[in-house]
Amino acid sequence: MRSSLVPRSNIILKYTEPAEARKPSPSRTWRLYTFKGDDILDVINLWERSVWLLGREEQVVDVVTPHPSCSGQHAALQFRYTMKEDDKKEECDSMQENDRPCVRLYLIDLDSANSTRLNEKRIESGRYVEIRHGDVIEFGGSKREYVIILPHS
């Protein structure tokens, strides 16, 4: 991971977008729901940007994860343009056959101190993991759940 300095501060960003970063199609209305127990705390329209930085460092993150066990820059949600061979057309912005370019959503842990979990399984730091509709993300020891929803269009 490359890092860069935030203008007018001493904060070093732990994440920069890759060359394949893309905004998803406006018809793919990905959302991030934040739950604490049964209560919905927030809903974020992920399709509005190509990347979302998550963590406690309010000066630089897009989504604040306020639990003390969360790192300042804990993880990122990144839309990436990829070539993937599969038969799941509904998960692709382009509806071509077989090897087709797709804008897909990925999660990456930014070497956090207390890990990131996807569907209750710890993910490896520094590696992209594809995210799908209904996936549940947890950060550090927080009880908040971040649920990815892609409503049917």
N, C-alpha and C. Protein backbone atom coordinates (compact mmCIF):
# COMPACT_ATOMS: atom_id res chain seq x y z
N MET A 1 0.83 -1.18 0.00
CA MET A 1 0.00 0.00 0.00
C MET A 1 0.88 1.25 0.00
N ARG A 2 0.55 2.17 -0.87
CA ARG A 2 1.24 3.45 -0.88
C ARG A 2 0.56 4.37 0.14
N SER A 3 1.28 5.37 0.62
CA SER A 3 0.67 6.33 1.53
C SER A 3 1.00 7.73 1.03
N SER A 4 0.22 8.70 1.50
CA SER A 4 0.45 10.09 1.12
C SER A 4 0.05 10.99 2.27
N LEU A 5 0.58 12.20 2.28
CA LEU A 5 0.33 13.17 3.34
C LEU A 5 -0.95 13.94 3.04
N VAL A 6 -1.80 14.11 4.07
CA VAL A 6 -3.02 14.90 3.93
C VAL A 6 -2.61 16.37 3.91
N PRO A 7 -3.08 17.15 2.91
CA PRO A 7 -2.71 18.57 2.82
C PRO A 7 -3.05 19.32 4.12
N ARG A 8 -2.18 20.23 4.51
CA ARG A 8 -2.34 21.08 5.69
C ARG A 8 -2.47 20.29 6.99
N SER A 9 -1.80 19.15 7.07
CA SER A 9 -1.81 18.37 8.31
C SER A 9 -0.56 17.49 8.35
N ASN A 10 -0.39 16.83 9.47
CA ASN A 10 0.73 15.88 9.60
C ASN A 10 0.24 14.45 9.48
N ILE A 11 -0.97 14.27 8.98
CA ILE A 11 -1.57 12.94 8.88
C ILE A 11 -1.15 12.28 7.57
N ILE A 12 -0.66 11.07 7.68
CA ILE A 12 -0.29 10.31 6.49
C ILE A 12 -1.43 9.35 6.17
N LEU A 13 -1.95 9.44 4.96
CA LEU A 13 -2.99 8.51 4.53
C LEU A 13 -2.38 7.14 4.29
N LYS A 14 -3.04 6.12 4.82
CA LYS A 14 -2.55 4.75 4.66
C LYS A 14 -3.03 4.12 3.36
N TYR A 15 -3.95 4.78 2.66
CA TYR A 15 -4.54 4.16 1.48
C TYR A 15 -4.65 5.18 0.35
N THR A 16 -4.27 4.76 -0.83
CA THR A 16 -4.53 5.54 -2.04
C THR A 16 -5.21 4.61 -3.04
N GLU A 17 -6.07 5.17 -3.85
CA GLU A 17 -6.84 4.36 -4.79
C GLU A 17 -5.95 3.74 -5.86
N PRO A 18 -6.27 2.51 -6.26
CA PRO A 18 -5.51 1.87 -7.33
C PRO A 18 -5.94 2.41 -8.69
N ALA A 19 -5.16 2.11 -9.72
CA ALA A 19 -5.46 2.57 -11.08
C ALA A 19 -6.81 2.07 -11.57
N GLU A 20 -7.25 0.91 -11.10
CA GLU A 20 -8.51 0.33 -11.56
C GLU A 20 -9.73 0.84 -10.79
N ALA A 21 -9.55 1.85 -9.95
CA ALA A 21 -10.68 2.42 -9.19
C ALA A 21 -11.70 3.03 -10.13
N ARG A 22 -12.97 2.76 -9.89
CA ARG A 22 -14.07 3.32 -10.69
C ARG A 22 -15.29 3.53 -9.81
N LYS A 23 -16.09 4.53 -10.17
CA LYS A 23 -17.41 4.66 -9.55
C LYS A 23 -18.32 3.61 -10.18
N PRO A 24 -19.22 3.03 -9.39
CA PRO A 24 -20.15 2.07 -9.98
C PRO A 24 -21.21 2.79 -10.81
N SER A 25 -21.89 2.05 -11.63
CA SER A 25 -22.99 2.59 -12.42
C SER A 25 -24.07 3.14 -11.48
N PRO A 26 -24.71 4.27 -11.84
CA PRO A 26 -25.78 4.82 -11.00
C PRO A 26 -26.95 3.84 -10.82
N SER A 27 -27.06 2.86 -11.69
CA SER A 27 -28.13 1.87 -11.55
C SER A 27 -27.81 0.83 -10.48
N ARG A 28 -26.56 0.81 -10.02
CA ARG A 28 -26.12 -0.14 -8.98
C ARG A 28 -26.05 0.60 -7.65
N THR A 29 -27.16 0.72 -6.97
CA THR A 29 -27.28 1.58 -5.79
C THR A 29 -26.82 0.87 -4.50
N TRP A 30 -25.53 0.58 -4.43
CA TRP A 30 -24.94 -0.04 -3.25
C TRP A 30 -25.13 0.87 -2.04
N ARG A 31 -25.50 0.27 -0.90
CA ARG A 31 -25.67 1.03 0.34
C ARG A 31 -24.96 0.33 1.48
N LEU A 32 -24.52 1.12 2.46
CA LEU A 32 -23.91 0.60 3.68
C LEU A 32 -24.80 1.00 4.84
N TYR A 33 -25.38 -0.01 5.50
CA TYR A 33 -26.23 0.21 6.68
C TYR A 33 -25.40 -0.06 7.92
N THR A 34 -25.44 0.87 8.88
CA THR A 34 -24.75 0.68 10.15
C THR A 34 -25.78 0.32 11.21
N PHE A 35 -25.58 -0.84 11.85
CA PHE A 35 -26.48 -1.32 12.89
C PHE A 35 -25.76 -1.40 14.22
N LYS A 36 -26.47 -1.06 15.28
CA LYS A 36 -26.03 -1.36 16.64
C LYS A 36 -27.21 -2.10 17.27
N GLY A 37 -27.06 -3.40 17.41
CA GLY A 37 -28.20 -4.22 17.80
C GLY A 37 -29.21 -4.22 16.67
N ASP A 38 -30.46 -3.91 17.00
CA ASP A 38 -31.52 -3.85 15.99
C ASP A 38 -31.71 -2.45 15.42
N ASP A 39 -30.97 -1.47 15.93
CA ASP A 39 -31.15 -0.08 15.52
C ASP A 39 -30.27 0.26 14.32
N ILE A 40 -30.87 0.91 13.31
CA ILE A 40 -30.10 1.43 12.17
C ILE A 40 -29.58 2.80 12.58
N LEU A 41 -28.26 2.95 12.60
CA LEU A 41 -27.64 4.21 12.99
C LEU A 41 -27.38 5.13 11.80
N ASP A 42 -27.13 4.53 10.63
CA ASP A 42 -26.77 5.34 9.46
C ASP A 42 -26.95 4.52 8.19
N VAL A 43 -27.20 5.22 7.09
CA VAL A 43 -27.24 4.60 5.77
C VAL A 43 -26.40 5.48 4.84
N ILE A 44 -25.44 4.86 4.16
CA ILE A 44 -24.55 5.60 3.26
C ILE A 44 -24.73 5.07 1.85
N ASN A 45 -24.90 5.98 0.91
CA ASN A 45 -25.03 5.63 -0.51
C ASN A 45 -23.64 5.44 -1.10
N LEU A 46 -23.19 4.21 -1.12
CA LEU A 46 -21.82 3.91 -1.57
C LEU A 46 -21.60 4.21 -3.04
N TRP A 47 -22.64 4.16 -3.85
CA TRP A 47 -22.47 4.34 -5.30
C TRP A 47 -22.04 5.76 -5.67
N GLU A 48 -22.09 6.69 -4.72
CA GLU A 48 -21.75 8.08 -5.01
C GLU A 48 -20.25 8.33 -5.19
N ARG A 49 -19.41 7.39 -4.74
CA ARG A 49 -17.96 7.56 -4.81
C ARG A 49 -17.31 6.24 -5.14
N SER A 50 -16.04 6.29 -5.49
CA SER A 50 -15.32 5.05 -5.81
C SER A 50 -14.65 4.43 -4.58
N VAL A 51 -14.40 5.23 -3.54
CA VAL A 51 -13.73 4.71 -2.34
C VAL A 51 -14.31 5.34 -1.09
N TRP A 52 -14.31 4.56 -0.01
CA TRP A 52 -14.76 5.02 1.30
C TRP A 52 -13.74 4.55 2.32
N LEU A 53 -13.12 5.48 3.02
CA LEU A 53 -12.16 5.16 4.07
C LEU A 53 -12.90 5.10 5.40
N LEU A 54 -12.65 4.04 6.18
CA LEU A 54 -13.33 3.83 7.46
C LEU A 54 -12.33 3.79 8.60
N GLY A 55 -12.67 4.41 9.73
CA GLY A 55 -11.80 4.39 10.89
C GLY A 55 -12.19 5.47 11.89
N ARG A 56 -11.34 5.67 12.90
CA ARG A 56 -11.63 6.64 13.96
C ARG A 56 -11.10 8.04 13.68
N GLU A 57 -10.18 8.20 12.75
CA GLU A 57 -9.52 9.48 12.49
C GLU A 57 -10.44 10.40 11.69
N GLU A 58 -11.27 11.16 12.42
CA GLU A 58 -12.34 11.95 11.81
C GLU A 58 -11.86 12.93 10.75
N GLN A 59 -10.61 13.40 10.85
CA GLN A 59 -10.09 14.38 9.90
C GLN A 59 -9.93 13.80 8.49
N VAL A 60 -9.81 12.48 8.37
CA VAL A 60 -9.52 11.91 7.06
C VAL A 60 -10.49 10.82 6.60
N VAL A 61 -11.21 10.18 7.51
CA VAL A 61 -12.07 9.07 7.09
C VAL A 61 -13.41 9.58 6.58
N ASP A 62 -14.06 8.74 5.79
CA ASP A 62 -15.39 9.05 5.26
C ASP A 62 -16.48 8.48 6.15
N VAL A 63 -16.18 7.37 6.80
CA VAL A 63 -17.13 6.71 7.71
C VAL A 63 -16.40 6.51 9.03
N VAL A 64 -16.89 7.17 10.08
CA VAL A 64 -16.26 7.07 11.39
C VAL A 64 -16.71 5.79 12.09
N THR A 65 -15.74 5.01 12.55
CA THR A 65 -15.99 3.82 13.36
C THR A 65 -15.50 4.16 14.76
N PRO A 66 -16.40 4.62 15.65
CA PRO A 66 -15.99 5.28 16.89
C PRO A 66 -15.45 4.39 18.01
N HIS A 67 -15.50 3.10 17.88
CA HIS A 67 -15.06 2.22 18.97
C HIS A 67 -13.55 2.38 19.22
N PRO A 68 -13.11 2.40 20.50
CA PRO A 68 -11.68 2.58 20.80
C PRO A 68 -10.77 1.50 20.21
N SER A 69 -11.30 0.33 19.90
CA SER A 69 -10.47 -0.74 19.32
C SER A 69 -10.26 -0.58 17.82
N CYS A 70 -10.95 0.38 17.21
CA CYS A 70 -10.79 0.63 15.77
C CYS A 70 -9.58 1.52 15.55
N SER A 71 -8.85 1.26 14.49
CA SER A 71 -7.68 2.07 14.14
C SER A 71 -8.13 3.38 13.51
N GLY A 72 -7.22 4.35 13.50
CA GLY A 72 -7.53 5.65 12.90
C GLY A 72 -7.96 5.53 11.45
N GLN A 73 -7.22 4.75 10.68
CA GLN A 73 -7.56 4.42 9.30
C GLN A 73 -7.60 2.90 9.26
N HIS A 74 -8.77 2.36 9.48
CA HIS A 74 -8.92 0.93 9.73
C HIS A 74 -9.04 0.10 8.44
N ALA A 75 -9.89 0.55 7.52
CA ALA A 75 -10.17 -0.23 6.30
C ALA A 75 -10.70 0.70 5.22
N ALA A 76 -10.83 0.16 4.01
CA ALA A 76 -11.42 0.92 2.90
C ALA A 76 -12.36 0.02 2.13
N LEU A 77 -13.44 0.62 1.64
CA LEU A 77 -14.33 -0.02 0.68
C LEU A 77 -14.02 0.61 -0.67
N GLN A 78 -13.65 -0.21 -1.63
CA GLN A 78 -13.16 0.28 -2.92
C GLN A 78 -13.90 -0.38 -4.07
N PHE A 79 -14.47 0.43 -4.97
CA PHE A 79 -15.01 -0.10 -6.22
C PHE A 79 -13.86 -0.20 -7.20
N ARG A 80 -13.74 -1.37 -7.86
CA ARG A 80 -12.64 -1.62 -8.79
C ARG A 80 -13.19 -2.20 -10.09
N TYR A 81 -12.59 -1.78 -11.19
CA TYR A 81 -12.90 -2.29 -12.52
C TYR A 81 -12.07 -3.54 -12.72
N THR A 82 -12.73 -4.67 -12.89
CA THR A 82 -12.01 -5.94 -13.00
C THR A 82 -12.55 -6.77 -14.15
N MET A 83 -11.75 -7.72 -14.57
CA MET A 83 -12.19 -8.73 -15.52
C MET A 83 -12.40 -10.00 -14.72
N LYS A 84 -13.58 -10.57 -14.82
CA LYS A 84 -13.86 -11.77 -14.05
C LYS A 84 -14.67 -12.73 -14.88
N GLU A 85 -14.31 -13.98 -14.82
CA GLU A 85 -15.01 -15.01 -15.59
C GLU A 85 -15.94 -15.76 -14.65
N ASP A 86 -17.22 -15.52 -14.79
CA ASP A 86 -18.21 -16.26 -14.01
C ASP A 86 -19.57 -16.09 -14.66
N ASP A 87 -20.58 -16.67 -14.07
CA ASP A 87 -21.91 -16.61 -14.68
C ASP A 87 -22.87 -15.74 -13.88
N LYS A 88 -22.35 -14.85 -13.05
CA LYS A 88 -23.20 -14.03 -12.19
C LYS A 88 -23.39 -12.65 -12.81
N LYS A 89 -24.18 -12.58 -13.83
CA LYS A 89 -24.39 -11.32 -14.55
C LYS A 89 -24.96 -10.23 -13.65
N GLU A 90 -25.77 -10.60 -12.66
CA GLU A 90 -26.41 -9.60 -11.81
C GLU A 90 -25.40 -8.82 -10.98
N GLU A 91 -24.17 -9.31 -10.85
CA GLU A 91 -23.17 -8.63 -10.05
C GLU A 91 -22.23 -7.78 -10.90
N CYS A 92 -22.55 -7.61 -12.15
CA CYS A 92 -21.65 -6.92 -13.06
C CYS A 92 -22.36 -5.72 -13.67
N ASP A 93 -21.63 -4.62 -13.81
CA ASP A 93 -22.23 -3.45 -14.45
C ASP A 93 -22.36 -3.63 -15.95
N SER A 94 -21.54 -4.47 -16.54
CA SER A 94 -21.60 -4.74 -17.96
C SER A 94 -22.20 -6.12 -18.17
N MET A 95 -23.14 -6.25 -19.06
CA MET A 95 -23.85 -7.52 -19.22
C MET A 95 -23.35 -8.33 -20.41
N GLN A 96 -22.05 -8.36 -20.64
CA GLN A 96 -21.48 -9.17 -21.71
C GLN A 96 -21.32 -10.60 -21.23
N GLU A 97 -20.98 -11.47 -22.14
CA GLU A 97 -20.77 -12.89 -21.80
C GLU A 97 -19.34 -13.13 -21.34
N ASN A 98 -19.16 -14.11 -20.47
CA ASN A 98 -17.88 -14.63 -20.00
C ASN A 98 -16.93 -13.54 -19.50
N ASP A 99 -15.74 -13.41 -20.13
CA ASP A 99 -14.76 -12.42 -19.65
C ASP A 99 -15.32 -11.03 -19.90
N ARG A 100 -15.83 -10.42 -18.88
CA ARG A 100 -16.45 -9.12 -19.07
C ARG A 100 -15.96 -8.15 -18.00
N PRO A 101 -15.80 -6.89 -18.38
CA PRO A 101 -15.36 -5.91 -17.39
C PRO A 101 -16.48 -5.63 -16.41
N CYS A 102 -16.13 -5.54 -15.15
CA CYS A 102 -17.11 -5.30 -14.10
C CYS A 102 -16.57 -4.29 -13.11
N VAL A 103 -17.45 -3.50 -12.54
CA VAL A 103 -17.10 -2.67 -11.40
C VAL A 103 -17.66 -3.39 -10.18
N ARG A 104 -16.76 -3.87 -9.34
CA ARG A 104 -17.14 -4.66 -8.17
C ARG A 104 -16.65 -3.96 -6.91
N LEU A 105 -17.30 -4.28 -5.80
CA LEU A 105 -16.95 -3.68 -4.51
C LEU A 105 -16.01 -4.61 -3.74
N TYR A 106 -14.95 -4.01 -3.17
CA TYR A 106 -13.96 -4.76 -2.40
C TYR A 106 -13.73 -4.08 -1.05
N LEU A 107 -13.30 -4.89 -0.09
CA LEU A 107 -12.91 -4.42 1.23
C LEU A 107 -11.43 -4.72 1.41
N ILE A 108 -10.71 -3.78 2.02
CA ILE A 108 -9.30 -4.01 2.34
C ILE A 108 -9.03 -3.50 3.76
N ASP A 109 -8.41 -4.33 4.58
CA ASP A 109 -7.98 -3.94 5.92
C ASP A 109 -6.64 -3.24 5.79
N LEU A 110 -6.50 -2.09 6.46
CA LEU A 110 -5.30 -1.26 6.31
C LEU A 110 -4.31 -1.48 7.45
N ASP A 111 -3.93 -2.73 7.65
CA ASP A 111 -3.00 -3.09 8.74
C ASP A 111 -3.52 -2.59 10.08
N SER A 112 -4.82 -2.78 10.32
CA SER A 112 -5.43 -2.34 11.57
C SER A 112 -4.87 -3.15 12.75
N ALA A 113 -4.92 -2.55 13.93
CA ALA A 113 -4.41 -3.21 15.13
C ALA A 113 -5.30 -4.37 15.57
N ASN A 114 -6.60 -4.25 15.34
CA ASN A 114 -7.54 -5.24 15.88
C ASN A 114 -8.41 -5.92 14.83
N SER A 115 -8.01 -5.94 13.62
CA SER A 115 -8.60 -6.70 12.51
C SER A 115 -9.96 -6.22 12.03
N THR A 116 -10.29 -6.72 10.86
CA THR A 116 -11.59 -6.51 10.21
C THR A 116 -12.17 -7.89 9.96
N ARG A 117 -13.47 -8.02 10.22
CA ARG A 117 -14.14 -9.30 9.99
C ARG A 117 -15.22 -9.13 8.92
N LEU A 118 -15.29 -10.11 8.05
CA LEU A 118 -16.31 -10.18 7.01
C LEU A 118 -17.10 -11.45 7.25
N ASN A 119 -18.39 -11.29 7.53
CA ASN A 119 -19.26 -12.43 7.84
C ASN A 119 -18.64 -13.30 8.94
N GLU A 120 -18.17 -12.63 9.98
CA GLU A 120 -17.60 -13.24 11.20
C GLU A 120 -16.23 -13.88 11.01
N LYS A 121 -15.63 -13.73 9.83
CA LYS A 121 -14.29 -14.29 9.59
C LYS A 121 -13.30 -13.15 9.41
N ARG A 122 -12.19 -13.25 10.10
CA ARG A 122 -11.14 -12.24 9.99
C ARG A 122 -10.55 -12.25 8.58
N ILE A 123 -10.37 -11.05 8.01
CA ILE A 123 -9.76 -10.98 6.68
C ILE A 123 -8.28 -10.64 6.81
N GLU A 124 -7.52 -11.07 5.83
CA GLU A 124 -6.09 -10.80 5.82
C GLU A 124 -5.86 -9.33 5.51
N SER A 125 -4.96 -8.72 6.25
CA SER A 125 -4.66 -7.31 6.07
C SER A 125 -3.95 -7.07 4.73
N GLY A 126 -4.27 -5.95 4.09
CA GLY A 126 -3.58 -5.55 2.87
C GLY A 126 -4.01 -6.27 1.61
N ARG A 127 -5.06 -7.09 1.68
CA ARG A 127 -5.54 -7.83 0.50
C ARG A 127 -7.00 -7.49 0.25
N TYR A 128 -7.34 -7.29 -1.01
CA TYR A 128 -8.73 -7.01 -1.36
C TYR A 128 -9.57 -8.28 -1.24
N VAL A 129 -10.77 -8.11 -0.68
CA VAL A 129 -11.74 -9.19 -0.58
C VAL A 129 -13.03 -8.68 -1.22
N GLU A 130 -13.57 -9.43 -2.17
CA GLU A 130 -14.79 -8.99 -2.85
C GLU A 130 -15.97 -9.01 -1.88
N ILE A 131 -16.79 -7.97 -1.98
CA ILE A 131 -17.97 -7.80 -1.13
C ILE A 131 -19.21 -8.07 -1.97
N ARG A 132 -20.19 -8.74 -1.35
CA ARG A 132 -21.44 -9.05 -2.03
C ARG A 132 -22.63 -8.57 -1.21
N HIS A 133 -23.76 -8.49 -1.87
CA HIS A 133 -25.01 -8.10 -1.22
C HIS A 133 -25.24 -8.95 0.03
N GLY A 134 -25.54 -8.29 1.14
CA GLY A 134 -25.85 -8.99 2.38
C GLY A 134 -24.65 -9.26 3.27
N ASP A 135 -23.44 -8.96 2.80
CA ASP A 135 -22.26 -9.19 3.63
C ASP A 135 -22.28 -8.28 4.86
N VAL A 136 -21.73 -8.79 5.96
CA VAL A 136 -21.67 -8.06 7.23
C VAL A 136 -20.20 -7.84 7.59
N ILE A 137 -19.86 -6.57 7.85
CA ILE A 137 -18.49 -6.20 8.19
C ILE A 137 -18.46 -5.71 9.64
N GLU A 138 -17.40 -6.11 10.37
CA GLU A 138 -17.19 -5.64 11.74
C GLU A 138 -15.74 -5.21 11.88
N PHE A 139 -15.52 -4.16 12.70
CA PHE A 139 -14.19 -3.59 12.87
C PHE A 139 -13.75 -3.70 14.33
N GLY A 140 -12.54 -4.20 14.56
CA GLY A 140 -12.00 -4.31 15.91
C GLY A 140 -12.95 -5.04 16.83
N GLY A 141 -13.11 -4.52 18.05
CA GLY A 141 -14.01 -5.13 19.03
C GLY A 141 -15.38 -4.49 19.06
N SER A 142 -15.69 -3.67 18.08
CA SER A 142 -16.98 -2.98 18.03
C SER A 142 -18.13 -3.95 17.84
N LYS A 143 -19.25 -3.65 18.47
CA LYS A 143 -20.47 -4.45 18.31
C LYS A 143 -21.31 -3.96 17.12
N ARG A 144 -20.89 -2.85 16.51
CA ARG A 144 -21.62 -2.35 15.34
C ARG A 144 -21.40 -3.29 14.16
N GLU A 145 -22.45 -3.44 13.37
CA GLU A 145 -22.37 -4.23 12.15
C GLU A 145 -22.64 -3.32 10.97
N TYR A 146 -21.82 -3.45 9.95
CA TYR A 146 -21.94 -2.66 8.73
C TYR A 146 -22.38 -3.63 7.64
N VAL A 147 -23.61 -3.44 7.16
CA VAL A 147 -24.21 -4.40 6.24
C VAL A 147 -24.28 -3.78 4.85
N ILE A 148 -23.80 -4.52 3.86
CA ILE A 148 -23.80 -4.08 2.46
C ILE A 148 -25.09 -4.54 1.80
N ILE A 149 -25.81 -3.59 1.21
CA ILE A 149 -27.08 -3.90 0.54
C ILE A 149 -27.02 -3.36 -0.89
N LEU A 150 -27.40 -4.19 -1.83
CA LEU A 150 -27.56 -3.77 -3.23
C LEU A 150 -29.00 -4.04 -3.60
N PRO A 151 -29.89 -3.01 -3.47
CA PRO A 151 -31.30 -3.22 -3.80
C PRO A 151 -31.46 -3.62 -5.27
N HIS A 152 -32.46 -4.43 -5.53
CA HIS A 152 -32.75 -4.82 -6.92
C HIS A 152 -33.22 -3.60 -7.68
N SER A 153 -32.69 -3.44 -8.91
CA SER A 153 -33.08 -2.27 -9.71
C SER A 153 -34.21 -2.59 -10.63
